[in-house]
Amino acid sequence: AAITSGGSTNYADSVKGRFTISRD
């Protein structure tokens, strides 16, 4: 999973719907 400086995210197909990336 990845998250940009602007907060956009993307995930591997194998983890979509199960994993969540976030930043503080």
mmCIF file of all heavy atoms, coordinates in Angstrom:
data_MODEL
# 
_entry.id   MODEL 
# 
loop_
_atom_site.group_PDB 
_atom_site.id 
_atom_site.type_symbol 
_atom_site.label_atom_id 
_atom_site.label_alt_id 
_atom_site.label_comp_id 
_atom_site.label_asym_id 
_atom_site.label_entity_id 
_atom_site.label_seq_id 
_atom_site.pdbx_PDB_ins_code 
_atom_site.Cartn_x 
_atom_site.Cartn_y 
_atom_site.Cartn_z 
_atom_site.occupancy 
_atom_site.B_iso_or_equiv 
_atom_site.pdbx_formal_charge 
_atom_site.auth_seq_id 
_atom_site.auth_comp_id 
_atom_site.auth_asym_id 
_atom_site.auth_atom_id 
_atom_site.pdbx_PDB_model_num 
ATOM 1   N N   . ALA A 1 1  ? 0.854   -1.186  0.000  1.00 0.00 ? 1  ALA A N   1 
ATOM 2   C CA  . ALA A 1 1  ? 0.000   0.000   0.000  1.00 0.00 ? 1  ALA A CA  1 
ATOM 3   C C   . ALA A 1 1  ? 0.887   1.231   0.000  1.00 0.00 ? 1  ALA A C   1 
ATOM 4   O O   . ALA A 1 1  ? 2.007   1.193   0.510  1.00 0.00 ? 1  ALA A O   1 
ATOM 5   C CB  . ALA A 1 1  ? -0.914  0.017   1.226  1.00 0.00 ? 1  ALA A CB  1 
ATOM 6   N N   . ALA A 1 2  ? 0.367   2.315   -0.563 1.00 0.00 ? 2  ALA A N   1 
ATOM 7   C CA  . ALA A 1 2  ? 1.122   3.560   -0.609 1.00 0.00 ? 2  ALA A CA  1 
ATOM 8   C C   . ALA A 1 2  ? 0.178   4.731   -0.372 1.00 0.00 ? 2  ALA A C   1 
ATOM 9   O O   . ALA A 1 2  ? -1.026  4.648   -0.666 1.00 0.00 ? 2  ALA A O   1 
ATOM 10  C CB  . ALA A 1 2  ? 1.835   3.712   -1.940 1.00 0.00 ? 2  ALA A CB  1 
ATOM 11  N N   . ILE A 1 3  ? 0.756   5.811   0.133  1.00 0.00 ? 3  ILE A N   1 
ATOM 12  C CA  . ILE A 1 3  ? -0.019  7.034   0.349  1.00 0.00 ? 3  ILE A CA  1 
ATOM 13  C C   . ILE A 1 3  ? 0.859   8.215   -0.023 1.00 0.00 ? 3  ILE A C   1 
ATOM 14  O O   . ILE A 1 3  ? 2.023   8.293   0.368  1.00 0.00 ? 3  ILE A O   1 
ATOM 15  C CB  . ILE A 1 3  ? -0.519  7.125   1.814  1.00 0.00 ? 3  ILE A CB  1 
ATOM 16  C CG1 . ILE A 1 3  ? -1.435  8.336   2.006  1.00 0.00 ? 3  ILE A CG1 1 
ATOM 17  C CG2 . ILE A 1 3  ? 0.632   7.129   2.804  1.00 0.00 ? 3  ILE A CG2 1 
ATOM 18  C CD1 . ILE A 1 3  ? -2.220  8.293   3.316  1.00 0.00 ? 3  ILE A CD1 1 
ATOM 19  N N   . THR A 1 4  ? 0.305   9.118   -0.818 1.00 0.00 ? 4  THR A N   1 
ATOM 20  C CA  . THR A 1 4  ? 1.061   10.282  -1.249 1.00 0.00 ? 4  THR A CA  1 
ATOM 21  C C   . THR A 1 4  ? 1.044   11.373  -0.178 1.00 0.00 ? 4  THR A C   1 
ATOM 22  O O   . THR A 1 4  ? 0.319   11.276  0.827  1.00 0.00 ? 4  THR A O   1 
ATOM 23  C CB  . THR A 1 4  ? 0.475   10.858  -2.537 1.00 0.00 ? 4  THR A CB  1 
ATOM 24  O OG1 . THR A 1 4  ? -0.820  11.408  -2.239 1.00 0.00 ? 4  THR A OG1 1 
ATOM 25  C CG2 . THR A 1 4  ? 0.357   9.793   -3.621 1.00 0.00 ? 4  THR A CG2 1 
ATOM 26  N N   . SER A 1 5  ? 1.813   12.414  -0.422 1.00 0.00 ? 5  SER A N   1 
ATOM 27  C CA  . SER A 1 5  ? 1.811   13.545  0.503  1.00 0.00 ? 5  SER A CA  1 
ATOM 28  C C   . SER A 1 5  ? 0.423   14.195  0.563  1.00 0.00 ? 5  SER A C   1 
ATOM 29  O O   . SER A 1 5  ? 0.042   14.762  1.588  1.00 0.00 ? 5  SER A O   1 
ATOM 30  C CB  . SER A 1 5  ? 2.868   14.573  0.105  1.00 0.00 ? 5  SER A CB  1 
ATOM 31  O OG  . SER A 1 5  ? 2.631   15.017  -1.218 1.00 0.00 ? 5  SER A OG  1 
ATOM 32  N N   . GLY A 1 6  ? -0.324  14.061  -0.499 1.00 0.00 ? 6  GLY A N   1 
ATOM 33  C CA  . GLY A 1 6  ? -1.671  14.633  -0.535 1.00 0.00 ? 6  GLY A CA  1 
ATOM 34  C C   . GLY A 1 6  ? -2.743  13.728  0.004  1.00 0.00 ? 6  GLY A C   1 
ATOM 35  O O   . GLY A 1 6  ? -3.918  14.123  0.086  1.00 0.00 ? 6  GLY A O   1 
ATOM 36  N N   . GLY A 1 7  ? -2.362  12.501  0.373  1.00 0.00 ? 7  GLY A N   1 
ATOM 37  C CA  . GLY A 1 7  ? -3.311  11.580  0.985  1.00 0.00 ? 7  GLY A CA  1 
ATOM 38  C C   . GLY A 1 7  ? -3.942  10.572  0.042  1.00 0.00 ? 7  GLY A C   1 
ATOM 39  O O   . GLY A 1 7  ? -4.762  9.758   0.465  1.00 0.00 ? 7  GLY A O   1 
ATOM 40  N N   . SER A 1 8  ? -3.568  10.585  -1.225 1.00 0.00 ? 8  SER A N   1 
ATOM 41  C CA  . SER A 1 8  ? -4.079  9.577   -2.154 1.00 0.00 ? 8  SER A CA  1 
ATOM 42  C C   . SER A 1 8  ? -3.448  8.235   -1.835 1.00 0.00 ? 8  SER A C   1 
ATOM 43  O O   . SER A 1 8  ? -2.266  8.158   -1.493 1.00 0.00 ? 8  SER A O   1 
ATOM 44  C CB  . SER A 1 8  ? -3.771  9.960   -3.595 1.00 0.00 ? 8  SER A CB  1 
ATOM 45  O OG  . SER A 1 8  ? -4.421  11.163  -3.933 1.00 0.00 ? 8  SER A OG  1 
ATOM 46  N N   . THR A 1 9  ? -4.250  7.191   -1.980 1.00 0.00 ? 9  THR A N   1 
ATOM 47  C CA  . THR A 1 9  ? -3.778  5.852   -1.619 1.00 0.00 ? 9  THR A CA  1 
ATOM 48  C C   . THR A 1 9  ? -3.926  4.881   -2.774 1.00 0.00 ? 9  THR A C   1 
ATOM 49  O O   . THR A 1 9  ? -4.755  5.080   -3.679 1.00 0.00 ? 9  THR A O   1 
ATOM 50  C CB  . THR A 1 9  ? -4.550  5.301   -0.410 1.00 0.00 ? 9  THR A CB  1 
ATOM 51  O OG1 . THR A 1 9  ? -5.948  5.242   -0.741 1.00 0.00 ? 9  THR A OG1 1 
ATOM 52  C CG2 . THR A 1 9  ? -4.367  6.174   0.816  1.00 0.00 ? 9  THR A CG2 1 
ATOM 53  N N   . ASN A 1 10 ? -3.112  3.842   -2.748 1.00 0.00 ? 10 ASN A N   1 
ATOM 54  C CA  . ASN A 1 10 ? -3.307  2.724   -3.656 1.00 0.00 ? 10 ASN A CA  1 
ATOM 55  C C   . ASN A 1 10 ? -2.865  1.446   -2.956 1.00 0.00 ? 10 ASN A C   1 
ATOM 56  O O   . ASN A 1 10 ? -2.037  1.491   -2.030 1.00 0.00 ? 10 ASN A O   1 
ATOM 57  C CB  . ASN A 1 10 ? -2.595  2.906   -4.986 1.00 0.00 ? 10 ASN A CB  1 
ATOM 58  C CG  . ASN A 1 10 ? -1.099  2.885   -4.882 1.00 0.00 ? 10 ASN A CG  1 
ATOM 59  O OD1 . ASN A 1 10 ? -0.484  3.847   -4.479 1.00 0.00 ? 10 ASN A OD1 1 
ATOM 60  N ND2 . ASN A 1 10 ? -0.492  1.760   -5.248 1.00 0.00 ? 10 ASN A ND2 1 
ATOM 61  N N   . TYR A 1 11 ? -3.436  0.346   -3.388 1.00 0.00 ? 11 TYR A N   1 
ATOM 62  C CA  . TYR A 1 11 ? -3.239  -0.943  -2.720 1.00 0.00 ? 11 TYR A CA  1 
ATOM 63  C C   . TYR A 1 11 ? -2.974  -2.053  -3.729 1.00 0.00 ? 11 TYR A C   1 
ATOM 64  O O   . TYR A 1 11 ? -3.473  -2.021  -4.855 1.00 0.00 ? 11 TYR A O   1 
ATOM 65  C CB  . TYR A 1 11 ? -4.503  -1.319  -1.927 1.00 0.00 ? 11 TYR A CB  1 
ATOM 66  C CG  . TYR A 1 11 ? -4.841  -0.353  -0.823 1.00 0.00 ? 11 TYR A CG  1 
ATOM 67  C CD1 . TYR A 1 11 ? -5.681  0.727   -1.048 1.00 0.00 ? 11 TYR A CD1 1 
ATOM 68  C CD2 . TYR A 1 11 ? -4.310  -0.532  0.456  1.00 0.00 ? 11 TYR A CD2 1 
ATOM 69  C CE1 . TYR A 1 11 ? -5.990  1.616   -0.031 1.00 0.00 ? 11 TYR A CE1 1 
ATOM 70  C CE2 . TYR A 1 11 ? -4.618  0.350   1.482  1.00 0.00 ? 11 TYR A CE2 1 
ATOM 71  C CZ  . TYR A 1 11 ? -5.453  1.427   1.221  1.00 0.00 ? 11 TYR A CZ  1 
ATOM 72  O OH  . TYR A 1 11 ? -5.753  2.302   2.238  1.00 0.00 ? 11 TYR A OH  1 
ATOM 73  N N   . ALA A 1 12 ? -2.240  -3.038  -3.277 1.00 0.00 ? 12 ALA A N   1 
ATOM 74  C CA  . ALA A 1 12 ? -2.123  -4.259  -4.053 1.00 0.00 ? 12 ALA A CA  1 
ATOM 75  C C   . ALA A 1 12 ? -3.492  -4.941  -4.086 1.00 0.00 ? 12 ALA A C   1 
ATOM 76  O O   . ALA A 1 12 ? -4.247  -4.882  -3.106 1.00 0.00 ? 12 ALA A O   1 
ATOM 77  C CB  . ALA A 1 12 ? -1.091  -5.191  -3.414 1.00 0.00 ? 12 ALA A CB  1 
ATOM 78  N N   . ASP A 1 13 ? -3.789  -5.596  -5.197 1.00 0.00 ? 13 ASP A N   1 
ATOM 79  C CA  . ASP A 1 13 ? -5.090  -6.260  -5.315 1.00 0.00 ? 13 ASP A CA  1 
ATOM 80  C C   . ASP A 1 13 ? -5.317  -7.270  -4.190 1.00 0.00 ? 13 ASP A C   1 
ATOM 81  O O   . ASP A 1 13 ? -6.442  -7.454  -3.734 1.00 0.00 ? 13 ASP A O   1 
ATOM 82  C CB  . ASP A 1 13 ? -5.190  -6.966  -6.669 1.00 0.00 ? 13 ASP A CB  1 
ATOM 83  C CG  . ASP A 1 13 ? -5.356  -5.993  -7.832 1.00 0.00 ? 13 ASP A CG  1 
ATOM 84  O OD1 . ASP A 1 13 ? -5.710  -4.828  -7.580 1.00 0.00 ? 13 ASP A OD1 1 
ATOM 85  O OD2 . ASP A 1 13 ? -5.113  -6.411  -8.973 1.00 0.00 ? 13 ASP A OD2 1 
ATOM 86  N N   . SER A 1 14 ? -4.241  -7.905  -3.758 1.00 0.00 ? 14 SER A N   1 
ATOM 87  C CA  . SER A 1 14 ? -4.361  -8.966  -2.753 1.00 0.00 ? 14 SER A CA  1 
ATOM 88  C C   . SER A 1 14 ? -4.802  -8.453  -1.386 1.00 0.00 ? 14 SER A C   1 
ATOM 89  O O   . SER A 1 14 ? -5.228  -9.249  -0.542 1.00 0.00 ? 14 SER A O   1 
ATOM 90  C CB  . SER A 1 14 ? -3.036  -9.720  -2.619 1.00 0.00 ? 14 SER A CB  1 
ATOM 91  O OG  . SER A 1 14 ? -2.006  -8.820  -2.245 1.00 0.00 ? 14 SER A OG  1 
ATOM 92  N N   . VAL A 1 15 ? -4.693  -7.156  -1.146 1.00 0.00 ? 15 VAL A N   1 
ATOM 93  C CA  . VAL A 1 15 ? -5.037  -6.616  0.177  1.00 0.00 ? 15 VAL A CA  1 
ATOM 94  C C   . VAL A 1 15 ? -6.192  -5.619  0.140  1.00 0.00 ? 15 VAL A C   1 
ATOM 95  O O   . VAL A 1 15 ? -6.627  -5.149  1.197  1.00 0.00 ? 15 VAL A O   1 
ATOM 96  C CB  . VAL A 1 15 ? -3.820  -5.965  0.857  1.00 0.00 ? 15 VAL A CB  1 
ATOM 97  C CG1 . VAL A 1 15 ? -2.642  -6.926  0.889  1.00 0.00 ? 15 VAL A CG1 1 
ATOM 98  C CG2 . VAL A 1 15 ? -3.432  -4.658  0.193  1.00 0.00 ? 15 VAL A CG2 1 
ATOM 99  N N   . LYS A 1 16 ? -6.687  -5.317  -1.041 1.00 0.00 ? 16 LYS A N   1 
ATOM 100 C CA  . LYS A 1 16 ? -7.788  -4.351  -1.153 1.00 0.00 ? 16 LYS A CA  1 
ATOM 101 C C   . LYS A 1 16 ? -8.991  -4.816  -0.335 1.00 0.00 ? 16 LYS A C   1 
ATOM 102 O O   . LYS A 1 16 ? -9.378  -5.980  -0.402 1.00 0.00 ? 16 LYS A O   1 
ATOM 103 C CB  . LYS A 1 16 ? -8.187  -4.170  -2.611 1.00 0.00 ? 16 LYS A CB  1 
ATOM 104 C CG  . LYS A 1 16 ? -7.262  -3.257  -3.382 1.00 0.00 ? 16 LYS A CG  1 
ATOM 105 C CD  . LYS A 1 16 ? -7.732  -3.102  -4.828 1.00 0.00 ? 16 LYS A CD  1 
ATOM 106 C CE  . LYS A 1 16 ? -6.785  -2.215  -5.611 1.00 0.00 ? 16 LYS A CE  1 
ATOM 107 N NZ  . LYS A 1 16 ? -7.170  -2.120  -7.043 1.00 0.00 ? 16 LYS A NZ  1 
ATOM 108 N N   . GLY A 1 17 ? -9.555  -3.895  0.418  1.00 0.00 ? 17 GLY A N   1 
ATOM 109 C CA  . GLY A 1 17 ? -10.703 -4.214  1.246  1.00 0.00 ? 17 GLY A CA  1 
ATOM 110 C C   . GLY A 1 17 ? -10.342 -4.787  2.607  1.00 0.00 ? 17 GLY A C   1 
ATOM 111 O O   . GLY A 1 17 ? -11.211 -4.921  3.473  1.00 0.00 ? 17 GLY A O   1 
ATOM 112 N N   . ARG A 1 18 ? -9.078  -5.133  2.802  1.00 0.00 ? 18 ARG A N   1 
ATOM 113 C CA  . ARG A 1 18 ? -8.643  -5.695  4.092  1.00 0.00 ? 18 ARG A CA  1 
ATOM 114 C C   . ARG A 1 18 ? -7.652  -4.793  4.808  1.00 0.00 ? 18 ARG A C   1 
ATOM 115 O O   . ARG A 1 18 ? -7.656  -4.718  6.035  1.00 0.00 ? 18 ARG A O   1 
ATOM 116 C CB  . ARG A 1 18 ? -7.999  -7.066  3.879  1.00 0.00 ? 18 ARG A CB  1 
ATOM 117 C CG  . ARG A 1 18 ? -8.917  -8.094  3.254  1.00 0.00 ? 18 ARG A CG  1 
ATOM 118 C CD  . ARG A 1 18 ? -8.279  -9.492  3.267  1.00 0.00 ? 18 ARG A CD  1 
ATOM 119 N NE  . ARG A 1 18 ? -7.047  -9.556  2.482  1.00 0.00 ? 18 ARG A NE  1 
ATOM 120 C CZ  . ARG A 1 18 ? -5.877  -9.944  2.983  1.00 0.00 ? 18 ARG A CZ  1 
ATOM 121 N NH1 . ARG A 1 18 ? -5.775  -10.294 4.255  1.00 0.00 ? 18 ARG A NH1 1 
ATOM 122 N NH2 . ARG A 1 18 ? -4.819  -10.004 2.200  1.00 0.00 ? 18 ARG A NH2 1 
ATOM 123 N N   . PHE A 1 19 ? -6.794  -4.127  4.053  1.00 0.00 ? 19 PHE A N   1 
ATOM 124 C CA  . PHE A 1 19 ? -5.748  -3.277  4.625  1.00 0.00 ? 19 PHE A CA  1 
ATOM 125 C C   . PHE A 1 19 ? -6.072  -1.811  4.360  1.00 0.00 ? 19 PHE A C   1 
ATOM 126 O O   . PHE A 1 19 ? -6.642  -1.468  3.315  1.00 0.00 ? 19 PHE A O   1 
ATOM 127 C CB  . PHE A 1 19 ? -4.390  -3.584  4.002  1.00 0.00 ? 19 PHE A CB  1 
ATOM 128 C CG  . PHE A 1 19 ? -3.798  -4.916  4.371  1.00 0.00 ? 19 PHE A CG  1 
ATOM 129 C CD1 . PHE A 1 19 ? -4.525  -5.891  5.025  1.00 0.00 ? 19 PHE A CD1 1 
ATOM 130 C CD2 . PHE A 1 19 ? -2.481  -5.205  4.028  1.00 0.00 ? 19 PHE A CD2 1 
ATOM 131 C CE1 . PHE A 1 19 ? -3.972  -7.117  5.341  1.00 0.00 ? 19 PHE A CE1 1 
ATOM 132 C CE2 . PHE A 1 19 ? -1.903  -6.415  4.338  1.00 0.00 ? 19 PHE A CE2 1 
ATOM 133 C CZ  . PHE A 1 19 ? -2.656  -7.380  5.003  1.00 0.00 ? 19 PHE A CZ  1 
ATOM 134 N N   . THR A 1 20 ? -5.664  -0.954  5.294  1.00 0.00 ? 20 THR A N   1 
ATOM 135 C CA  . THR A 1 20 ? -5.842  0.478   5.132  1.00 0.00 ? 20 THR A CA  1 
ATOM 136 C C   . THR A 1 20 ? -4.566  1.198   5.538  1.00 0.00 ? 20 THR A C   1 
ATOM 137 O O   . THR A 1 20 ? -4.059  0.990   6.648  1.00 0.00 ? 20 THR A O   1 
ATOM 138 C CB  . THR A 1 20 ? -7.000  1.000   5.990  1.00 0.00 ? 20 THR A CB  1 
ATOM 139 O OG1 . THR A 1 20 ? -8.209  0.311   5.643  1.00 0.00 ? 20 THR A OG1 1 
ATOM 140 C CG2 . THR A 1 20 ? -7.203  2.496   5.771  1.00 0.00 ? 20 THR A CG2 1 
ATOM 141 N N   . ILE A 1 21 ? -4.054  2.025   4.642  1.00 0.00 ? 21 ILE A N   1 
ATOM 142 C CA  . ILE A 1 21 ? -2.893  2.844   4.944  1.00 0.00 ? 21 ILE A CA  1 
ATOM 143 C C   . ILE A 1 21 ? -3.372  4.244   5.310  1.00 0.00 ? 21 ILE A C   1 
ATOM 144 O O   . ILE A 1 21 ? -4.319  4.770   4.712  1.00 0.00 ? 21 ILE A O   1 
ATOM 145 C CB  . ILE A 1 21 ? -1.897  2.886   3.767  1.00 0.00 ? 21 ILE A CB  1 
ATOM 146 C CG1 . ILE A 1 21 ? -0.592  3.566   4.182  1.00 0.00 ? 21 ILE A CG1 1 
ATOM 147 C CG2 . ILE A 1 21 ? -2.512  3.532   2.528  1.00 0.00 ? 21 ILE A CG2 1 
ATOM 148 C CD1 . ILE A 1 21 ? 0.513   3.446   3.129  1.00 0.00 ? 21 ILE A CD1 1 
ATOM 149 N N   . SER A 1 22 ? -2.716  4.835   6.304  1.00 0.00 ? 22 SER A N   1 
ATOM 150 C CA  . SER A 1 22 ? -3.063  6.193   6.714  1.00 0.00 ? 22 SER A CA  1 
ATOM 151 C C   . SER A 1 22 ? -1.810  6.869   7.250  1.00 0.00 ? 22 SER A C   1 
ATOM 152 O O   . SER A 1 22 ? -0.804  6.209   7.511  1.00 0.00 ? 22 SER A O   1 
ATOM 153 C CB  . SER A 1 22 ? -4.167  6.184   7.778  1.00 0.00 ? 22 SER A CB  1 
ATOM 154 O OG  . SER A 1 22 ? -3.739  5.497   8.949  1.00 0.00 ? 22 SER A OG  1 
ATOM 155 N N   . ARG A 1 23 ? -1.887  8.167   7.403  1.00 0.00 ? 23 ARG A N   1 
ATOM 156 C CA  . ARG A 1 23 ? -0.733  8.909   7.913  1.00 0.00 ? 23 ARG A CA  1 
ATOM 157 C C   . ARG A 1 23 ? -1.197  9.982   8.881  1.00 0.00 ? 23 ARG A C   1 
ATOM 158 O O   . ARG A 1 23 ? -2.292  10.539  8.743  1.00 0.00 ? 23 ARG A O   1 
ATOM 159 C CB  . ARG A 1 23 ? 0.078   9.523   6.774  1.00 0.00 ? 23 ARG A CB  1 
ATOM 160 C CG  . ARG A 1 23 ? -0.643  10.582  5.959  1.00 0.00 ? 23 ARG A CG  1 
ATOM 161 C CD  . ARG A 1 23 ? 0.154   10.945  4.689  1.00 0.00 ? 23 ARG A CD  1 
ATOM 162 N NE  . ARG A 1 23 ? 1.471   11.464  5.041  1.00 0.00 ? 23 ARG A NE  1 
ATOM 163 C CZ  . ARG A 1 23 ? 2.496   11.458  4.179  1.00 0.00 ? 23 ARG A CZ  1 
ATOM 164 N NH1 . ARG A 1 23 ? 2.356   10.972  2.959  1.00 0.00 ? 23 ARG A NH1 1 
ATOM 165 N NH2 . ARG A 1 23 ? 3.659   11.968  4.560  1.00 0.00 ? 23 ARG A NH2 1 
ATOM 166 N N   . ASP A 1 24 ? -0.336  10.263  9.857  1.00 0.00 ? 24 ASP A N   1 
ATOM 167 C CA  . ASP A 1 24 ? -0.565  11.340  10.813 1.00 0.00 ? 24 ASP A CA  1 
ATOM 168 C C   . ASP A 1 24 ? 0.656   12.244  10.721 1.00 0.00 ? 24 ASP A C   1 
ATOM 169 O O   . ASP A 1 24 ? 1.703   11.937  11.306 1.00 0.00 ? 24 ASP A O   1 
ATOM 170 C CB  . ASP A 1 24 ? -0.753  10.776  12.222 1.00 0.00 ? 24 ASP A CB  1 
ATOM 171 C CG  . ASP A 1 24 ? -1.119  11.845  13.239 1.00 0.00 ? 24 ASP A CG  1 
ATOM 172 O OD1 . ASP A 1 24 ? -0.819  13.027  13.000 1.00 0.00 ? 24 ASP A OD1 1 
ATOM 173 O OD2 . ASP A 1 24 ? -1.692  11.490  14.280 1.00 0.00 ? 24 ASP A OD2 1 
# 
